[in-house]
PDB file of all heavy atoms in Angstrom:
ATOM      1  N   ASP A   1     -80.152 -95.838-339.999  1.00  0.00           N
ATOM      2  CA  ASP A   1     -79.574 -97.182-340.015  1.00  0.00           C
ATOM      3  C   ASP A   1     -78.908 -97.481-341.354  1.00  0.00           C
ATOM      4  O   ASP A   1     -77.964 -98.272-341.422  1.00  0.00           O
ATOM      5  CB  ASP A   1     -80.652 -98.230-339.730  1.00  0.00           C
ATOM      6  CG  ASP A   1     -81.178 -98.139-338.304  1.00  0.00           C
ATOM      7  OD1 ASP A   1     -80.473 -97.565-337.447  1.00  0.00           O
ATOM      8  OD2 ASP A   1     -82.297 -98.631-338.049  1.00  0.00           O
ATOM      9  N   GLY A   2     -79.412 -96.849-342.426  1.00  0.00           N
ATOM     10  CA  GLY A   2     -78.835 -97.060-343.757  1.00  0.00           C
ATOM     11  C   GLY A   2     -77.685 -96.136-344.076  1.00  0.00           C
ATOM     12  O   GLY A   2     -77.191 -96.128-345.211  1.00  0.00           O
ATOM     13  N   GLY A   3     -77.260 -95.329-343.115  1.00  0.00           N
ATOM     14  CA  GLY A   3     -76.112 -94.458-343.326  1.00  0.00           C
ATOM     15  C   GLY A   3     -76.419 -93.154-344.029  1.00  0.00           C
ATOM     16  O   GLY A   3     -75.498 -92.456-344.465  1.00  0.00           O
ATOM     17  N   GLN A   4     -77.693 -92.774-344.126  1.00  0.00           N
ATOM     18  CA  GLN A   4     -78.075 -91.534-344.816  1.00  0.00           C
ATOM     19  C   GLN A   4     -78.344 -90.418-343.799  1.00  0.00           C
ATOM     20  O   GLN A   4     -79.399 -89.800-343.789  1.00  0.00           O
ATOM     21  CB  GLN A   4     -79.326 -91.793-345.676  1.00  0.00           C
ATOM     22  CG  GLN A   4     -79.176 -92.912-346.680  1.00  0.00           C
ATOM     23  CD  GLN A   4     -78.084 -92.627-347.701  1.00  0.00           C
ATOM     24  OE1 GLN A   4     -77.799 -91.473-348.012  1.00  0.00           O
ATOM     25  NE2 GLN A   4     -77.485 -93.683-348.235  1.00  0.00           N
ATOM     26  N   THR A   5     -77.359 -90.160-342.949  1.00  0.00           N
ATOM     27  CA  THR A   5     -77.532 -89.162-341.887  1.00  0.00           C
ATOM     28  C   THR A   5     -77.806 -87.781-342.465  1.00  0.00           C
ATOM     29  O   THR A   5     -78.606 -87.007-341.911  1.00  0.00           O
ATOM     30  CB  THR A   5     -76.280 -89.133-340.995  1.00  0.00           C
ATOM     31  OG1 THR A   5     -76.000 -90.454-340.527  1.00  0.00           O
ATOM     32  CG2 THR A   5     -76.481 -88.194-339.816  1.00  0.00           C
ATOM     33  N   TRP A   6     -77.163 -87.444-343.576  1.00  0.00           N
ATOM     34  CA  TRP A   6     -77.336 -86.111-344.158  1.00  0.00           C
ATOM     35  C   TRP A   6     -78.765 -85.877-344.603  1.00  0.00           C
ATOM     36  O   TRP A   6     -79.284 -84.755-344.500  1.00  0.00           O
ATOM     37  CB  TRP A   6     -76.362 -85.912-345.310  1.00  0.00           C
ATOM     38  CG  TRP A   6     -76.568 -86.827-346.488  1.00  0.00           C
ATOM     39  CD1 TRP A   6     -76.379 -88.174-346.528  1.00  0.00           C
ATOM     40  CD2 TRP A   6     -76.991 -86.443-347.791  1.00  0.00           C
ATOM     41  NE1 TRP A   6     -76.671 -88.674-347.775  1.00  0.00           N
ATOM     42  CE2 TRP A   6     -77.036 -87.629-348.583  1.00  0.00           C
ATOM     43  CE3 TRP A   6     -77.330 -85.233-348.379  1.00  0.00           C
ATOM     44  CZ2 TRP A   6     -77.431 -87.631-349.916  1.00  0.00           C
ATOM     45  CZ3 TRP A   6     -77.704 -85.220-349.713  1.00  0.00           C
ATOM     46  CH2 TRP A   6     -77.751 -86.410-350.467  1.00  0.00           C
ATOM     47  N   LEU A   7     -79.434 -86.918-345.076  1.00  0.00           N
ATOM     48  CA  LEU A   7     -80.836 -86.782-345.471  1.00  0.00           C
ATOM     49  C   LEU A   7     -81.733 -86.576-344.250  1.00  0.00           C
ATOM     50  O   LEU A   7     -82.702 -85.806-344.303  1.00  0.00           O
ATOM     51  CB  LEU A   7     -81.285 -88.022-346.245  1.00  0.00           C
ATOM     52  CG  LEU A   7     -80.664 -88.238-347.621  1.00  0.00           C
ATOM     53  CD1 LEU A   7     -81.184 -89.526-348.244  1.00  0.00           C
ATOM     54  CD2 LEU A   7     -80.947 -87.052-348.535  1.00  0.00           C
ATOM     55  N   VAL A   8     -81.419 -87.246-343.171  1.00  0.00           N
ATOM     56  CA  VAL A   8     -82.212 -87.094-341.947  1.00  0.00           C
ATOM     57  C   VAL A   8     -82.072 -85.677-341.392  1.00  0.00           C
ATOM     58  O   VAL A   8     -83.069 -85.058-340.968  1.00  0.00           O
ATOM     59  CB  VAL A   8     -81.783 -88.133-340.903  1.00  0.00           C
ATOM     60  CG1 VAL A   8     -82.541 -87.917-339.591  1.00  0.00           C
ATOM     61  CG2 VAL A   8     -82.035 -89.544-341.424  1.00  0.00           C
ATOM     62  N   ILE A   9     -80.865 -85.140-341.409  1.00  0.00           N
ATOM     63  CA  ILE A   9     -80.659 -83.769-340.923  1.00  0.00           C
ATOM     64  C   ILE A   9     -81.474 -82.789-341.769  1.00  0.00           C
ATOM     65  O   ILE A   9     -82.159 -81.901-341.236  1.00  0.00           O
ATOM     66  CB  ILE A   9     -79.162 -83.411-340.970  1.00  0.00           C
ATOM     67  CG1 ILE A   9     -78.395 -84.258-339.949  1.00  0.00           C
ATOM     68  CG2 ILE A   9     -78.955 -81.923-340.698  1.00  0.00           C
ATOM     69  CD1 ILE A   9     -76.888 -84.104-340.031  1.00  0.00           C
ATOM     70  N   ALA A  10     -81.429 -82.969-343.097  1.00  0.00           N
ATOM     71  CA  ALA A  10     -82.223 -82.107-343.974  1.00  0.00           C
ATOM     72  C   ALA A  10     -83.708 -82.268-343.695  1.00  0.00           C
ATOM     73  O   ALA A  10     -84.467 -81.293-343.705  1.00  0.00           O
ATOM     74  CB  ALA A  10     -81.909 -82.422-345.436  1.00  0.00           C
ATOM     75  N   GLY A  11     -84.133 -83.499-343.433  1.00  0.00           N
ATOM     76  CA  GLY A  11     -85.542 -83.744-343.156  1.00  0.00           C
ATOM     77  C   GLY A  11     -86.013 -83.083-341.874  1.00  0.00           C
ATOM     78  O   GLY A  11     -87.098 -82.500-341.824  1.00  0.00           O
ATOM     79  N   VAL A  12     -85.200 -83.156-340.832  1.00  0.00           N
ATOM     80  CA  VAL A  12     -85.578 -82.539-339.555  1.00  0.00           C
ATOM     81  C   VAL A  12     -85.649 -81.018-339.693  1.00  0.00           C
ATOM     82  O   VAL A  12     -86.596 -80.372-339.215  1.00  0.00           O
ATOM     83  CB  VAL A  12     -84.577 -82.946-338.462  1.00  0.00           C
ATOM     84  CG1 VAL A  12     -84.831 -82.161-337.173  1.00  0.00           C
ATOM     85  CG2 VAL A  12     -84.676 -84.447-338.184  1.00  0.00           C
ATOM     86  N   LEU A  13     -84.663 -80.418-340.358  1.00  0.00           N
ATOM     87  CA  LEU A  13     -84.645 -78.968-340.508  1.00  0.00           C
ATOM     88  C   LEU A  13     -85.831 -78.468-341.335  1.00  0.00           C
ATOM     89  O   LEU A  13     -86.479 -77.474-340.986  1.00  0.00           O
ATOM     90  CB  LEU A  13     -83.326 -78.527-341.153  1.00  0.00           C
ATOM     91  CG  LEU A  13     -82.068 -78.734-340.303  1.00  0.00           C
ATOM     92  CD1 LEU A  13     -80.819 -78.335-341.094  1.00  0.00           C
ATOM     93  CD2 LEU A  13     -82.153 -77.932-339.008  1.00  0.00           C
ATOM     94  N   THR A  14     -86.121 -79.142-342.436  1.00  0.00           N
ATOM     95  CA  THR A  14     -87.254 -78.702-343.264  1.00  0.00           C
ATOM     96  C   THR A  14     -88.584 -78.973-342.574  1.00  0.00           C
ATOM     97  O   THR A  14     -89.550 -78.233-342.789  1.00  0.00           O
ATOM     98  CB  THR A  14     -87.225 -79.396-344.640  1.00  0.00           C
ATOM     99  OG1 THR A  14     -87.175 -80.832-344.461  1.00  0.00           O
ATOM    100  CG2 THR A  14     -86.025 -78.947-345.446  1.00  0.00           C
ATOM    101  N   SER A  15     -88.653 -79.997-341.733  1.00  0.00           N
ATOM    102  CA  SER A  15     -89.882 -80.239-340.963  1.00  0.00           C
ATOM    103  C   SER A  15     -90.154 -79.081-340.009  1.00  0.00           C
ATOM    104  O   SER A  15     -91.310 -78.668-339.821  1.00  0.00           O
ATOM    105  CB  SER A  15     -89.772 -81.546-340.178  1.00  0.00           C
ATOM    106  OG  SER A  15     -89.684 -82.661-341.044  1.00  0.00           O
ATOM    107  N   MET A  16     -89.105 -78.559-339.406  1.00  0.00           N
ATOM    108  CA  MET A  16     -89.266 -77.406-338.513  1.00  0.00           C
ATOM    109  C   MET A  16     -89.760 -76.187-339.297  1.00  0.00           C
ATOM    110  O   MET A  16     -90.638 -75.457-338.842  1.00  0.00           O
ATOM    111  CB  MET A  16     -87.933 -77.087-337.835  1.00  0.00           C
ATOM    112  CG  MET A  16     -87.453 -78.173-336.889  1.00  0.00           C
ATOM    113  SD  MET A  16     -85.735 -77.968-336.376  1.00  0.00           S
ATOM    114  CE  MET A  16     -85.828 -76.381-335.575  1.00  0.00           C
ATOM    115  N   LEU A  17     -89.214 -75.994-340.497  1.00  0.00           N
ATOM    116  CA  LEU A  17     -89.644 -74.864-341.320  1.00  0.00           C
ATOM    117  C   LEU A  17     -91.082 -75.043-341.789  1.00  0.00           C
ATOM    118  O   LEU A  17     -91.879 -74.083-341.801  1.00  0.00           O
ATOM    119  CB  LEU A  17     -88.704 -74.729-342.522  1.00  0.00           C
ATOM    120  CG  LEU A  17     -89.020 -73.627-343.537  1.00  0.00           C
ATOM    121  CD1 LEU A  17     -88.999 -72.255-342.864  1.00  0.00           C
ATOM    122  CD2 LEU A  17     -88.031 -73.680-344.693  1.00  0.00           C
ATOM    123  N   LEU A  18     -91.437 -76.274-342.153  1.00  0.00           N
ATOM    124  CA  LEU A  18     -92.771 -76.541-342.686  1.00  0.00           C
ATOM    125  C   LEU A  18     -93.851 -76.406-341.620  1.00  0.00           C
ATOM    126  O   LEU A  18     -95.034 -76.219-341.942  1.00  0.00           O
ATOM    127  CB  LEU A  18     -92.807 -77.950-343.305  1.00  0.00           C
ATOM    128  CG  LEU A  18     -94.018 -78.337-344.137  1.00  0.00           C
ATOM    129  CD1 LEU A  18     -94.212 -77.381-345.304  1.00  0.00           C
ATOM    130  CD2 LEU A  18     -93.879 -79.765-344.646  1.00  0.00           C
ATOM    131  N   ALA A  19     -93.465 -76.496-340.344  1.00  0.00           N
ATOM    132  CA  ALA A  19     -94.461 -76.344-339.280  1.00  0.00           C
ATOM    133  C   ALA A  19     -95.042 -74.939-339.255  1.00  0.00           C
ATOM    134  O   ALA A  19     -96.186 -74.738-338.810  1.00  0.00           O
ATOM    135  CB  ALA A  19     -93.829 -76.672-337.924  1.00  0.00           C
ATOM    136  N   PHE A  20     -94.293 -73.935-339.741  1.00  0.00           N
ATOM    137  CA  PHE A  20     -94.760 -72.554-339.665  1.00  0.00           C
ATOM    138  C   PHE A  20     -96.063 -72.323-340.426  1.00  0.00           C
ATOM    139  O   PHE A  20     -97.017 -71.763-339.857  1.00  0.00           O
ATOM    140  CB  PHE A  20     -93.673 -71.597-340.166  1.00  0.00           C
ATOM    141  CG  PHE A  20     -94.144 -70.185-340.311  1.00  0.00           C
ATOM    142  CD1 PHE A  20     -94.322 -69.380-339.195  1.00  0.00           C
ATOM    143  CD2 PHE A  20     -94.452 -69.656-341.554  1.00  0.00           C
ATOM    144  CE1 PHE A  20     -94.786 -68.084-339.316  1.00  0.00           C
ATOM    145  CE2 PHE A  20     -94.905 -68.353-341.691  1.00  0.00           C
ATOM    146  CZ  PHE A  20     -95.077 -67.564-340.569  1.00  0.00           C
ATOM    147  N   PRO A  21     -96.174 -72.702-341.729  1.00  0.00           N
ATOM    148  CA  PRO A  21     -97.450 -72.434-342.419  1.00  0.00           C
ATOM    149  C   PRO A  21     -98.626 -73.189-341.808  1.00  0.00           C
ATOM    150  O   PRO A  21     -99.754 -72.678-341.809  1.00  0.00           O
ATOM    151  CB  PRO A  21     -97.179 -72.873-343.859  1.00  0.00           C
ATOM    152  CG  PRO A  21     -96.001 -73.771-343.793  1.00  0.00           C
ATOM    153  CD  PRO A  21     -95.177 -73.282-342.647  1.00  0.00           C
ATOM    154  N   TYR A  22     -98.381 -74.379-341.257  1.00  0.00           N
ATOM    155  CA  TYR A  22     -99.472 -75.101-340.602  1.00  0.00           C
ATOM    156  C   TYR A  22     -99.940 -74.343-339.361  1.00  0.00           C
ATOM    157  O   TYR A  22    -101.149 -74.151-339.141  1.00  0.00           O
ATOM    158  CB  TYR A  22     -99.018 -76.508-340.196  1.00  0.00           C
ATOM    159  CG  TYR A  22     -98.569 -77.393-341.332  1.00  0.00           C
ATOM    160  CD1 TYR A  22     -97.484 -78.252-341.173  1.00  0.00           C
ATOM    161  CD2 TYR A  22     -99.227 -77.384-342.557  1.00  0.00           C
ATOM    162  CE1 TYR A  22     -97.066 -79.082-342.194  1.00  0.00           C
ATOM    163  CE2 TYR A  22     -98.814 -78.204-343.588  1.00  0.00           C
ATOM    164  CZ  TYR A  22     -97.731 -79.061-343.411  1.00  0.00           C
ATOM    165  OH  TYR A  22     -97.309 -79.866-344.417  1.00  0.00           O
ATOM    166  N   LEU A  23     -98.982 -73.920-338.540  1.00  0.00           N
ATOM    167  CA  LEU A  23     -99.346 -73.220-337.314  1.00  0.00           C
ATOM    168  C   LEU A  23     -99.955 -71.854-337.615  1.00  0.00           C
ATOM    169  O   LEU A  23    -100.789 -71.358-336.848  1.00  0.00           O
ATOM    170  CB  LEU A  23     -98.115 -73.081-336.415  1.00  0.00           C
ATOM    171  CG  LEU A  23     -97.528 -74.401-335.899  1.00  0.00           C
ATOM    172  CD1 LEU A  23     -96.286 -74.146-335.069  1.00  0.00           C
ATOM    173  CD2 LEU A  23     -98.561 -75.181-335.094  1.00  0.00           C
ATOM    174  N   ARG A  24     -99.558 -71.247-338.728  1.00  0.00           N
ATOM    175  CA  ARG A  24    -100.164 -69.969-339.105  1.00  0.00           C
ATOM    176  C   ARG A  24    -101.658 -70.138-339.356  1.00  0.00           C
ATOM    177  O   ARG A  24    -102.477 -69.302-338.945  1.00  0.00           O
ATOM    178  CB  ARG A  24     -99.478 -69.414-340.348  1.00  0.00           C
ATOM    179  CG  ARG A  24    -100.020 -68.066-340.800  1.00  0.00           C
ATOM    180  CD  ARG A  24     -99.327 -67.580-342.056  1.00  0.00           C
ATOM    181  NE  ARG A  24     -99.543 -68.483-343.169  1.00  0.00           N
ATOM    182  CZ  ARG A  24     -99.111 -68.251-344.413  1.00  0.00           C
ATOM    183  NH1 ARG A  24     -98.445 -67.141-344.677  1.00  0.00           N
ATOM    184  NH2 ARG A  24     -99.340 -69.111-345.372  1.00  0.00           N
ATOM    185  N   VAL A  25    -102.042 -71.222-340.020  1.00  0.00           N
ATOM    186  CA  VAL A  25    -103.463 -71.486-340.263  1.00  0.00           C
ATOM    187  C   VAL A  25    -104.184 -71.730-338.944  1.00  0.00           C
ATOM    188  O   VAL A  25    -105.304 -71.252-338.723  1.00  0.00           O
ATOM    189  CB  VAL A  25    -103.637 -72.688-341.214  1.00  0.00           C
ATOM    190  CG1 VAL A  25    -105.117 -73.009-341.410  1.00  0.00           C
ATOM    191  CG2 VAL A  25    -102.982 -72.416-342.564  1.00  0.00           C
ATOM    192  N   VAL A  26    -103.539 -72.468-338.028  1.00  0.00           N
ATOM    193  CA  VAL A  26    -104.146 -72.733-336.726  1.00  0.00           C
ATOM    194  C   VAL A  26    -104.392 -71.423-335.979  1.00  0.00           C
ATOM    195  O   VAL A  26    -105.467 -71.197-335.402  1.00  0.00           O
ATOM    196  CB  VAL A  26    -103.248 -73.675-335.895  1.00  0.00           C
ATOM    197  CG1 VAL A  26    -103.802 -73.819-334.476  1.00  0.00           C
ATOM    198  CG2 VAL A  26    -103.151 -75.044-336.566  1.00  0.00           C
ATOM    199  N   VAL A  27    -103.404 -70.540-335.988  1.00  0.00           N
ATOM    200  CA  VAL A  27    -103.542 -69.250-335.312  1.00  0.00           C
ATOM    201  C   VAL A  27    -104.667 -68.436-335.939  1.00  0.00           C
ATOM    202  O   VAL A  27    -105.481 -67.803-335.231  1.00  0.00           O
ATOM    203  CB  VAL A  27    -102.206 -68.478-335.363  1.00  0.00           C
ATOM    204  CG1 VAL A  27    -102.399 -67.034-334.894  1.00  0.00           C
ATOM    205  CG2 VAL A  27    -101.160 -69.173-334.506  1.00  0.00           C
ATOM    206  N   MET A  28    -104.751 -68.435-337.272  1.00  0.00           N
ATOM    207  CA  MET A  28    -105.807 -67.679-337.942  1.00  0.00           C
ATOM    208  C   MET A  28    -107.187 -68.197-337.556  1.00  0.00           C
ATOM    209  O   MET A  28    -108.118 -67.428-337.329  1.00  0.00           O
ATOM    210  CB  MET A  28    -105.625 -67.760-339.458  1.00  0.00           C
ATOM    211  CG  MET A  28    -104.448 -66.963-339.998  1.00  0.00           C
ATOM    212  SD  MET A  28    -104.298 -67.125-341.782  1.00  0.00           S
ATOM    213  CE  MET A  28    -105.858 -66.441-342.302  1.00  0.00           C
ATOM    214  N   MET A  29    -107.331 -69.506-337.472  1.00  0.00           N
ATOM    215  CA  MET A  29    -108.650 -70.070-337.174  1.00  0.00           C
ATOM    216  C   MET A  29    -109.085 -69.774-335.753  1.00  0.00           C
ATOM    217  O   MET A  29    -110.272 -69.522-335.502  1.00  0.00           O
ATOM    218  CB  MET A  29    -108.629 -71.589-337.420  1.00  0.00           C
ATOM    219  CG  MET A  29    -108.589 -71.992-338.876  1.00  0.00           C
ATOM    220  SD  MET A  29    -108.927 -73.763-339.114  1.00  0.00           S
ATOM    221  CE  MET A  29    -107.593 -74.526-338.207  1.00  0.00           C
ATOM    222  N   TRP A  30    -108.128 -69.793-334.808  1.00  0.00           N
ATOM    223  CA  TRP A  30    -108.519 -69.744-333.395  1.00  0.00           C
ATOM    224  C   TRP A  30    -108.310 -68.388-332.731  1.00  0.00           C
ATOM    225  O   TRP A  30    -109.024 -68.054-331.778  1.00  0.00           O
ATOM    226  CB  TRP A  30    -107.748 -70.813-332.619  1.00  0.00           C
ATOM    227  CG  TRP A  30    -108.155 -72.202-332.989  1.00  0.00           C
ATOM    228  CD1 TRP A  30    -107.476 -73.059-333.790  1.00  0.00           C
ATOM    229  CD2 TRP A  30    -109.343 -72.888-332.597  1.00  0.00           C
ATOM    230  NE1 TRP A  30    -108.150 -74.247-333.924  1.00  0.00           N
ATOM    231  CE2 TRP A  30    -109.309 -74.177-333.191  1.00  0.00           C
ATOM    232  CE3 TRP A  30    -110.442 -72.559-331.790  1.00  0.00           C
ATOM    233  CZ2 TRP A  30    -110.321 -75.109-333.016  1.00  0.00           C
ATOM    234  CZ3 TRP A  30    -111.452 -73.498-331.616  1.00  0.00           C
ATOM    235  CH2 TRP A  30    -111.389 -74.752-332.224  1.00  0.00           C
ATOM    236  N   LEU A  31    -107.350 -67.614-333.196  1.00  0.00           N
ATOM    237  CA  LEU A  31    -107.018 -66.378-332.509  1.00  0.00           C
ATOM    238  C   LEU A  31    -107.447 -65.125-333.260  1.00  0.00           C
ATOM    239  O   LEU A  31    -107.141 -64.013-332.839  1.00  0.00           O
ATOM    240  CB  LEU A  31    -105.507 -66.319-332.231  1.00  0.00           C
ATOM    241  CG  LEU A  31    -104.952 -67.449-331.358  1.00  0.00           C
ATOM    242  CD1 LEU A  31    -103.470 -67.253-331.116  1.00  0.00           C
ATOM    243  CD2 LEU A  31    -105.711 -67.544-330.037  1.00  0.00           C
ATOM    244  N   SER A  32    -108.125 -65.293-334.383  1.00  0.00           N
ATOM    245  CA  SER A  32    -108.634 -64.147-335.128  1.00  0.00           C
ATOM    246  C   SER A  32    -110.144 -64.063-334.958  1.00  0.00           C
ATOM    247  O   SER A  32    -110.824 -65.092-334.781  1.00  0.00           O
ATOM    248  CB  SER A  32    -108.291 -64.273-336.620  1.00  0.00           C
ATOM    249  OG  SER A  32    -106.896 -64.289-336.813  1.00  0.00           O
ATOM    250  N   GLU A  33    -110.643 -62.842-335.008  1.00  0.00           N
ATOM    251  CA  GLU A  33    -112.080 -62.653-334.912  1.00  0.00           C
ATOM    252  C   GLU A  33    -112.738 -62.948-336.266  1.00  0.00           C
ATOM    253  O   GLU A  33    -112.215 -62.547-337.304  1.00  0.00           O
ATOM    254  CB  GLU A  33    -112.401 -61.204-334.513  1.00  0.00           C
ATOM    255  CG  GLU A  33    -112.000 -60.852-333.093  1.00  0.00           C
ATOM    256  CD  GLU A  33    -112.843 -61.603-332.069  1.00  0.00           C
ATOM    257  OE1 GLU A  33    -114.001 -61.960-332.394  1.00  0.00           O
ATOM    258  OE2 GLU A  33    -112.340 -61.836-330.950  1.00  0.00           O
ATOM    259  N   PRO A  34    -113.866 -63.650-336.264  1.00  0.00           N
ATOM    260  CA  PRO A  34    -114.558 -63.884-337.542  1.00  0.00           C
ATOM    261  C   PRO A  34    -115.095 -62.578-338.105  1.00  0.00           C
ATOM    262  O   PRO A  34    -115.601 -61.721-337.373  1.00  0.00           O
ATOM    263  CB  PRO A  34    -115.683 -64.850-337.170  1.00  0.00           C
ATOM    264  CG  PRO A  34    -115.887 -64.659-335.698  1.00  0.00           C
ATOM    265  CD  PRO A  34    -114.555 -64.274-335.128  1.00  0.00           C
TER     266      PRO A  34
END
């Protein structure tokens, strides 16, 4: 709404990238043998 579309695009793209390390921890906790 404030006209900062370029910041929103950067935010969405980096959010997608940042999901990887979180999901990696989830996979390690649940899909690996203790």
